[in-house]
Amino acid sequence: MNMMKKLSFLCVLSALMVLLGSCGNKSINVPFDNGDSAYSAKADPTLFGVCGVETSMNTLQLITDTGDTLQLDLTSARENGQVFGGLQVGDRMAVLANDDHTVATMVVNQVALLGNWVMPNPIDGSDEVGIVLKEGGIAESIEQNSVIYKTWKLTRGKLEIVLVREGGTEEEEVYLYDLIKLSPDSLIFKDADDTFEYTRQKPKETYGMDVDLEDAQSEFFM
């Protein structure tokens, strides 16, 4: 009798171990989702790539970072004012498109975003303050001691800027802005509360000179 009980106990224990092992395997096979993976329903749909040589006024040829070459109709984006920074062959672009990647709904020239952007000091207008947008998503402050810009990126059609405030908790603050205008010498974006209007800061050696940044670019389509 004791032998039968012992065998029954071993059978139950074995079945339990198999069940636990099976559950463990299932948890291992579930992909880790950090919010950016292809498995996430909220994954950023933005297409990143380079503006190709076959780009024209109403068509963007995008050579994506994944190696695809897309021909995207720009008609809708242009009609809705959603082409920012112009189309320069060889420049890096960020694009929102329809599901089959044939129509662009928003196009941002990432290279056009780079540089020093300034505005009159909103406190007294005595000097210029602003932000530097660098390659690699690096952001820096211009003449602002209380605000330290850290990073920037384009995500889901918005400009994301991360900063910390001097003298505060030094916790990173994340802000999302809608682009309103991006041209060779103007950058405007806004959120629900404020609109920020910047102009491109000229290098010191060009002060006093008549420099037309737009004319200096070839194959530039606004």
C-alpha atoms as a PDB file:
ATOM      1  CA  MET A   1       0.000   0.000   0.000  1.00  0.00           C
ATOM      2  CA  ASN A   2       2.805   2.361   0.902  1.00  0.00           C
ATOM      3  CA  MET A   3       4.509   1.519  -2.398  1.00  0.00           C
ATOM      4  CA  MET A   4       1.330   2.434  -4.347  1.00  0.00           C
ATOM      5  CA  LYS A   5       1.047   5.775  -2.543  1.00  0.00           C
ATOM      6  CA  LYS A   6       4.691   6.496  -3.246  1.00  0.00           C
ATOM      7  CA  LEU A   7       4.234   5.733  -6.960  1.00  0.00           C
ATOM      8  CA  SER A   8       1.134   7.937  -7.125  1.00  0.00           C
ATOM      9  CA  PHE A   9       2.994  10.793  -5.467  1.00  0.00           C
ATOM     10  CA  LEU A  10       5.887  10.484  -7.931  1.00  0.00           C
ATOM     11  CA  CYS A  11       3.478  10.514 -10.881  1.00  0.00           C
ATOM     12  CA  VAL A  12       1.760  13.649  -9.611  1.00  0.00           C
ATOM     13  CA  LEU A  13       5.130  15.327  -8.984  1.00  0.00           C
ATOM     14  CA  SER A  14       6.353  14.456 -12.495  1.00  0.00           C
ATOM     15  CA  ALA A  15       3.187  15.843 -14.075  1.00  0.00           C
ATOM     16  CA  LEU A  16       3.532  19.044 -12.074  1.00  0.00           C
ATOM     17  CA  MET A  17       7.158  19.496 -13.190  1.00  0.00           C
ATOM     18  CA  VAL A  18       6.175  19.024 -16.851  1.00  0.00           C
ATOM     19  CA  LEU A  19       3.389  21.590 -16.474  1.00  0.00           C
ATOM     20  CA  LEU A  20       5.678  24.141 -14.844  1.00  0.00           C
ATOM     21  CA  GLY A  21       8.313  23.536 -17.497  1.00  0.00           C
ATOM     22  CA  SER A  22       5.739  24.087 -20.206  1.00  0.00           C
ATOM     23  CA  CYS A  23       4.614  27.385 -18.656  1.00  0.00           C
ATOM     24  CA  GLY A  24       8.213  28.466 -18.335  1.00  0.00           C
ATOM     25  CA  ASN A  25       8.843  27.826 -22.005  1.00  0.00           C
ATOM     26  CA  LYS A  26       5.806  29.893 -22.930  1.00  0.00           C
ATOM     27  CA  SER A  27       7.047  32.868 -20.939  1.00  0.00           C
ATOM     28  CA  ILE A  28      10.474  32.612 -22.543  1.00  0.00           C
ATOM     29  CA  ASN A  29       8.972  32.590 -26.036  1.00  0.00           C
ATOM     30  CA  VAL A  30       7.000  35.800 -25.460  1.00  0.00           C
ATOM     31  CA  PRO A  31       9.114  38.614 -26.956  1.00  0.00           C
ATOM     32  CA  PHE A  32      10.272  41.324 -24.608  1.00  0.00           C
ATOM     33  CA  ASP A  33       8.310  44.480 -25.397  1.00  0.00           C
ATOM     34  CA  ASN A  34       9.949  47.753 -24.425  1.00  0.00           C
ATOM     35  CA  GLY A  35       7.528  49.882 -26.424  1.00  0.00           C
ATOM     36  CA  ASP A  36       9.778  50.083 -29.490  1.00  0.00           C
ATOM     37  CA  SER A  37       9.641  46.518 -30.770  1.00  0.00           C
ATOM     38  CA  ALA A  38       7.830  45.348 -33.880  1.00  0.00           C
ATOM     39  CA  TYR A  39       5.480  43.447 -31.597  1.00  0.00           C
ATOM     40  CA  SER A  40       4.148  46.605 -29.996  1.00  0.00           C
ATOM     41  CA  ALA A  41       0.879  48.038 -31.272  1.00  0.00           C
ATOM     42  CA  LYS A  42       2.315  51.450 -30.386  1.00  0.00           C
ATOM     43  CA  ALA A  43       5.536  50.994 -32.343  1.00  0.00           C
ATOM     44  CA  ASP A  44       6.665  54.162 -34.121  1.00  0.00           C
ATOM     45  CA  PRO A  45       5.572  53.878 -37.785  1.00  0.00           C
ATOM     46  CA  THR A  46       8.075  56.500 -38.947  1.00  0.00           C
ATOM     47  CA  LEU A  47      10.159  55.537 -41.988  1.00  0.00           C
ATOM     48  CA  PHE A  48      13.762  56.741 -41.851  1.00  0.00           C
ATOM     49  CA  GLY A  49      16.055  56.909 -44.849  1.00  0.00           C
ATOM     50  CA  VAL A  50      17.766  59.014 -47.491  1.00  0.00           C
ATOM     51  CA  CYS A  51      16.229  61.176 -50.188  1.00  0.00           C
ATOM     52  CA  GLY A  52      16.987  59.512 -53.556  1.00  0.00           C
ATOM     53  CA  VAL A  53      18.008  61.003 -56.886  1.00  0.00           C
ATOM     54  CA  GLU A  54      14.631  60.248 -58.477  1.00  0.00           C
ATOM     55  CA  THR A  55      12.868  62.629 -56.094  1.00  0.00           C
ATOM     56  CA  SER A  56      10.749  65.301 -57.784  1.00  0.00           C
ATOM     57  CA  MET A  57       8.281  67.978 -56.748  1.00  0.00           C
ATOM     58  CA  ASN A  58       5.460  65.512 -56.089  1.00  0.00           C
ATOM     59  CA  THR A  59       7.332  62.245 -55.547  1.00  0.00           C
ATOM     60  CA  LEU A  60       9.821  61.296 -52.858  1.00  0.00           C
ATOM     61  CA  GLN A  61      12.210  58.460 -53.536  1.00  0.00           C
ATOM     62  CA  LEU A  62      13.164  57.151 -50.113  1.00  0.00           C
ATOM     63  CA  ILE A  63      15.982  54.653 -49.645  1.00  0.00           C
ATOM     64  CA  THR A  64      15.086  53.367 -46.203  1.00  0.00           C
ATOM     65  CA  ASP A  65      17.457  52.289 -43.450  1.00  0.00           C
ATOM     66  CA  THR A  66      16.192  48.729 -43.984  1.00  0.00           C
ATOM     67  CA  GLY A  67      17.309  48.736 -47.625  1.00  0.00           C
ATOM     68  CA  ASP A  68      13.972  49.295 -49.376  1.00  0.00           C
ATOM     69  CA  THR A  69      13.508  51.856 -52.134  1.00  0.00           C
ATOM     70  CA  LEU A  70      10.097  53.515 -51.988  1.00  0.00           C
ATOM     71  CA  GLN A  71       8.353  55.894 -54.377  1.00  0.00           C
ATOM     72  CA  LEU A  72       6.031  58.011 -52.228  1.00  0.00           C
ATOM     73  CA  ASP A  73       3.351  60.332 -53.602  1.00  0.00           C
ATOM     74  CA  LEU A  74       3.676  63.766 -51.946  1.00  0.00           C
ATOM     75  CA  THR A  75       0.442  65.312 -53.194  1.00  0.00           C
ATOM     76  CA  SER A  76      -1.501  64.823 -49.968  1.00  0.00           C
ATOM     77  CA  ALA A  77       1.390  65.911 -47.738  1.00  0.00           C
ATOM     78  CA  ARG A  78       1.910  69.091 -49.764  1.00  0.00           C
ATOM     79  CA  GLU A  79      -1.781  69.970 -49.791  1.00  0.00           C
ATOM     80  CA  ASN A  80      -1.876  69.645 -45.997  1.00  0.00           C
ATOM     81  CA  GLY A  81       1.359  71.569 -45.406  1.00  0.00           C
ATOM     82  CA  GLN A  82       3.150  68.492 -44.086  1.00  0.00           C
ATOM     83  CA  VAL A  83       6.425  68.695 -46.022  1.00  0.00           C
ATOM     84  CA  PHE A  84       8.998  70.250 -43.707  1.00  0.00           C
ATOM     85  CA  GLY A  85      12.512  71.332 -44.632  1.00  0.00           C
ATOM     86  CA  GLY A  86      12.367  70.663 -48.361  1.00  0.00           C
ATOM     87  CA  LEU A  87      13.654  67.699 -50.345  1.00  0.00           C
ATOM     88  CA  GLN A  88      17.410  67.586 -50.780  1.00  0.00           C
ATOM     89  CA  VAL A  89      18.968  64.590 -52.496  1.00  0.00           C
ATOM     90  CA  GLY A  90      21.182  62.724 -50.026  1.00  0.00           C
ATOM     91  CA  ASP A  91      19.579  64.222 -46.910  1.00  0.00           C
ATOM     92  CA  ARG A  92      18.139  62.018 -44.192  1.00  0.00           C
ATOM     93  CA  MET A  93      14.353  62.056 -44.071  1.00  0.00           C
ATOM     94  CA  ALA A  94      11.689  61.023 -41.567  1.00  0.00           C
ATOM     95  CA  VAL A  95       8.415  60.024 -43.224  1.00  0.00           C
ATOM     96  CA  LEU A  96       4.932  59.006 -42.172  1.00  0.00           C
ATOM     97  CA  ALA A  97       3.098  57.079 -44.877  1.00  0.00           C
ATOM     98  CA  ASN A  98      -0.001  55.011 -45.567  1.00  0.00           C
ATOM     99  CA  ASP A  99      -0.061  51.293 -44.812  1.00  0.00           C
ATOM    100  CA  ASP A 100       1.307  50.158 -48.169  1.00  0.00           C
ATOM    101  CA  HIS A 101       4.008  52.862 -48.224  1.00  0.00           C
ATOM    102  CA  THR A 102       2.918  54.504 -51.465  1.00  0.00           C
ATOM    103  CA  VAL A 103       1.647  57.848 -50.141  1.00  0.00           C
ATOM    104  CA  ALA A 104       3.510  60.123 -47.740  1.00  0.00           C
ATOM    105  CA  THR A 105       1.353  61.930 -45.195  1.00  0.00           C
ATOM    106  CA  MET A 106       4.245  63.800 -43.534  1.00  0.00           C
ATOM    107  CA  VAL A 107       7.866  64.395 -44.527  1.00  0.00           C
ATOM    108  CA  VAL A 108      10.574  65.983 -42.393  1.00  0.00           C
ATOM    109  CA  ASN A 109      14.082  66.723 -43.620  1.00  0.00           C
ATOM    110  CA  GLN A 110      16.204  65.820 -40.607  1.00  0.00           C
ATOM    111  CA  VAL A 111      19.266  67.614 -41.957  1.00  0.00           C
ATOM    112  CA  ALA A 112      17.263  70.842 -42.225  1.00  0.00           C
ATOM    113  CA  LEU A 113      16.521  70.549 -38.497  1.00  0.00           C
ATOM    114  CA  LEU A 114      20.194  70.543 -37.555  1.00  0.00           C
ATOM    115  CA  GLY A 115      21.852  73.747 -36.403  1.00  0.00           C
ATOM    116  CA  ASN A 116      21.592  76.598 -33.933  1.00  0.00           C
ATOM    117  CA  TRP A 117      18.071  77.972 -33.503  1.00  0.00           C
ATOM    118  CA  VAL A 118      17.509  81.193 -31.565  1.00  0.00           C
ATOM    119  CA  MET A 119      14.829  83.672 -30.555  1.00  0.00           C
ATOM    120  CA  PRO A 120      14.849  86.945 -28.561  1.00  0.00           C
ATOM    121  CA  ASN A 121      14.977  86.299 -24.831  1.00  0.00           C
ATOM    122  CA  PRO A 122      11.282  86.157 -23.834  1.00  0.00           C
ATOM    123  CA  ILE A 123      12.087  87.792 -20.484  1.00  0.00           C
ATOM    124  CA  ASP A 124      13.537  91.079 -21.724  1.00  0.00           C
ATOM    125  CA  GLY A 125      14.543  90.584 -25.366  1.00  0.00           C
ATOM    126  CA  SER A 126      18.045  91.806 -24.595  1.00  0.00           C
ATOM    127  CA  ASP A 127      19.827  88.822 -26.105  1.00  0.00           C
ATOM    128  CA  GLU A 128      19.208  85.575 -27.977  1.00  0.00           C
ATOM    129  CA  VAL A 129      18.412  82.210 -26.418  1.00  0.00           C
ATOM    130  CA  GLY A 130      17.739  78.929 -28.107  1.00  0.00           C
ATOM    131  CA  ILE A 131      18.569  75.343 -28.828  1.00  0.00           C
ATOM    132  CA  VAL A 132      21.186  73.450 -30.814  1.00  0.00           C
ATOM    133  CA  LEU A 133      20.055  70.315 -32.653  1.00  0.00           C
ATOM    134  CA  LYS A 134      23.004  68.082 -33.543  1.00  0.00           C
ATOM    135  CA  GLU A 135      23.497  64.822 -35.396  1.00  0.00           C
ATOM    136  CA  GLY A 136      22.957  61.719 -33.328  1.00  0.00           C
ATOM    137  CA  GLY A 137      20.000  63.239 -31.478  1.00  0.00           C
ATOM    138  CA  ILE A 138      22.125  65.522 -29.284  1.00  0.00           C
ATOM    139  CA  ALA A 139      20.585  68.789 -28.096  1.00  0.00           C
ATOM    140  CA  GLU A 140      22.245  71.706 -26.304  1.00  0.00           C
ATOM    141  CA  SER A 141      21.124  75.024 -24.865  1.00  0.00           C
ATOM    142  CA  ILE A 142      22.100  78.451 -26.171  1.00  0.00           C
ATOM    143  CA  GLU A 143      22.509  81.099 -23.448  1.00  0.00           C
ATOM    144  CA  GLN A 144      20.082  79.349 -21.096  1.00  0.00           C
ATOM    145  CA  ASN A 145      21.372  78.501 -17.647  1.00  0.00           C
ATOM    146  CA  SER A 146      18.067  77.304 -16.220  1.00  0.00           C
ATOM    147  CA  VAL A 147      17.253  74.842 -19.019  1.00  0.00           C
ATOM    148  CA  ILE A 148      19.663  72.166 -20.212  1.00  0.00           C
ATOM    149  CA  TYR A 149      18.592  70.438 -23.402  1.00  0.00           C
ATOM    150  CA  LYS A 150      19.738  66.818 -23.649  1.00  0.00           C
ATOM    151  CA  THR A 151      18.331  65.000 -26.700  1.00  0.00           C
ATOM    152  CA  TRP A 152      15.932  65.345 -29.607  1.00  0.00           C
ATOM    153  CA  LYS A 153      14.275  62.990 -32.074  1.00  0.00           C
ATOM    154  CA  LEU A 154      11.344  62.681 -34.439  1.00  0.00           C
ATOM    155  CA  THR A 155       8.728  60.214 -33.281  1.00  0.00           C
ATOM    156  CA  ARG A 156       5.263  59.565 -34.708  1.00  0.00           C
ATOM    157  CA  GLY A 157       5.369  62.851 -36.591  1.00  0.00           C
ATOM    158  CA  LYS A 158       6.312  64.958 -33.576  1.00  0.00           C
ATOM    159  CA  LEU A 159       9.506  66.606 -32.390  1.00  0.00           C
ATOM    160  CA  GLU A 160      10.521  65.141 -29.038  1.00  0.00           C
ATOM    161  CA  ILE A 161      12.877  67.187 -26.856  1.00  0.00           C
ATOM    162  CA  VAL A 162      14.305  65.992 -23.537  1.00  0.00           C
ATOM    163  CA  LEU A 163      15.652  68.495 -21.001  1.00  0.00           C
ATOM    164  CA  VAL A 164      16.526  68.971 -17.353  1.00  0.00           C
ATOM    165  CA  ARG A 165      16.110  72.118 -15.296  1.00  0.00           C
ATOM    166  CA  GLU A 166      19.054  73.565 -13.418  1.00  0.00           C
ATOM    167  CA  GLY A 167      18.466  73.721  -9.683  1.00  0.00           C
ATOM    168  CA  GLY A 168      15.521  71.341  -9.816  1.00  0.00           C
ATOM    169  CA  THR A 169      15.330  67.620  -9.234  1.00  0.00           C
ATOM    170  CA  GLU A 170      17.412  67.093 -12.388  1.00  0.00           C
ATOM    171  CA  GLU A 171      14.836  64.582 -13.588  1.00  0.00           C
ATOM    172  CA  GLU A 172      14.496  64.444 -17.347  1.00  0.00           C
ATOM    173  CA  GLU A 173      11.419  66.124 -18.778  1.00  0.00           C
ATOM    174  CA  VAL A 174      10.065  64.971 -22.143  1.00  0.00           C
ATOM    175  CA  TYR A 175       8.163  67.343 -24.425  1.00  0.00           C
ATOM    176  CA  LEU A 176       6.387  66.565 -27.701  1.00  0.00           C
ATOM    177  CA  TYR A 177       5.803  69.304 -30.266  1.00  0.00           C
ATOM    178  CA  ASP A 178       3.917  69.631 -33.525  1.00  0.00           C
ATOM    179  CA  LEU A 179       6.009  71.045 -36.350  1.00  0.00           C
ATOM    180  CA  ILE A 180       4.494  74.159 -37.921  1.00  0.00           C
ATOM    181  CA  LYS A 181       7.287  75.385 -40.181  1.00  0.00           C
ATOM    182  CA  LEU A 182      10.797  74.336 -41.161  1.00  0.00           C
ATOM    183  CA  SER A 183      12.708  76.293 -43.791  1.00  0.00           C
ATOM    184  CA  PRO A 184      16.408  77.148 -44.257  1.00  0.00           C
ATOM    185  CA  ASP A 185      16.117  80.022 -41.770  1.00  0.00           C
ATOM    186  CA  SER A 186      12.976  79.358 -39.718  1.00  0.00           C
ATOM    187  CA  LEU A 187      11.778  76.703 -37.254  1.00  0.00           C
ATOM    188  CA  ILE A 188       8.375  76.886 -35.584  1.00  0.00           C
ATOM    189  CA  PHE A 189       6.826  74.237 -33.358  1.00  0.00           C
ATOM    190  CA  LYS A 190       4.140  74.162 -30.699  1.00  0.00           C
ATOM    191  CA  ASP A 191       2.414  72.132 -28.021  1.00  0.00           C
ATOM    192  CA  ALA A 192      -0.964  72.651 -26.376  1.00  0.00           C
ATOM    193  CA  ASP A 193       0.271  75.655 -24.411  1.00  0.00           C
ATOM    194  CA  ASP A 194       3.022  77.458 -26.320  1.00  0.00           C
ATOM    195  CA  THR A 195       4.354  78.216 -29.788  1.00  0.00           C
ATOM    196  CA  PHE A 196       8.114  78.563 -30.258  1.00  0.00           C
ATOM    197  CA  GLU A 197       9.400  80.586 -33.206  1.00  0.00           C
ATOM    198  CA  TYR A 198      13.121  80.296 -33.945  1.00  0.00           C
ATOM    199  CA  THR A 199      15.416  81.652 -36.617  1.00  0.00           C
ATOM    200  CA  ARG A 200      18.675  80.044 -37.655  1.00  0.00           C
ATOM    201  CA  GLN A 201      21.622  81.637 -35.880  1.00  0.00           C
ATOM    202  CA  LYS A 202      24.162  82.923 -38.346  1.00  0.00           C
ATOM    203  CA  PRO A 203      27.831  82.119 -37.777  1.00  0.00           C
ATOM    204  CA  LYS A 204      29.690  85.108 -36.398  1.00  0.00           C
ATOM    205  CA  GLU A 205      31.751  85.478 -39.550  1.00  0.00           C
ATOM    206  CA  THR A 206      28.597  86.026 -41.614  1.00  0.00           C
ATOM    207  CA  TYR A 207      27.132  88.795 -39.483  1.00  0.00           C
ATOM    208  CA  GLY A 208      26.507  91.822 -41.635  1.00  0.00           C
ATOM    209  CA  MET A 209      26.674  89.782 -44.849  1.00  0.00           C
ATOM    210  CA  ASP A 210      23.764  89.033 -47.130  1.00  0.00           C
ATOM    211  CA  VAL A 211      23.661  85.235 -47.142  1.00  0.00           C
ATOM    212  CA  ASP A 212      20.828  83.385 -48.883  1.00  0.00           C
ATOM    213  CA  LEU A 213      20.821  79.889 -47.384  1.00  0.00           C
ATOM    214  CA  GLU A 214      18.068  78.654 -49.676  1.00  0.00           C
ATOM    215  CA  ASP A 215      19.919  79.647 -52.859  1.00  0.00           C
ATOM    216  CA  ALA A 216      22.987  77.828 -51.578  1.00  0.00           C
ATOM    217  CA  GLN A 217      21.190  74.460 -51.770  1.00  0.00           C
ATOM    218  CA  SER A 218      20.869  72.520 -55.002  1.00  0.00           C
ATOM    219  CA  GLU A 219      17.936  70.285 -55.966  1.00  0.00           C
ATOM    220  CA  PHE A 220      15.953  71.738 -53.076  1.00  0.00           C
ATOM    221  CA  PHE A 221      12.185  71.344 -53.351  1.00  0.00           C
ATOM    222  CA  MET A 222      10.036  73.192 -50.826  1.00  0.00           C
END
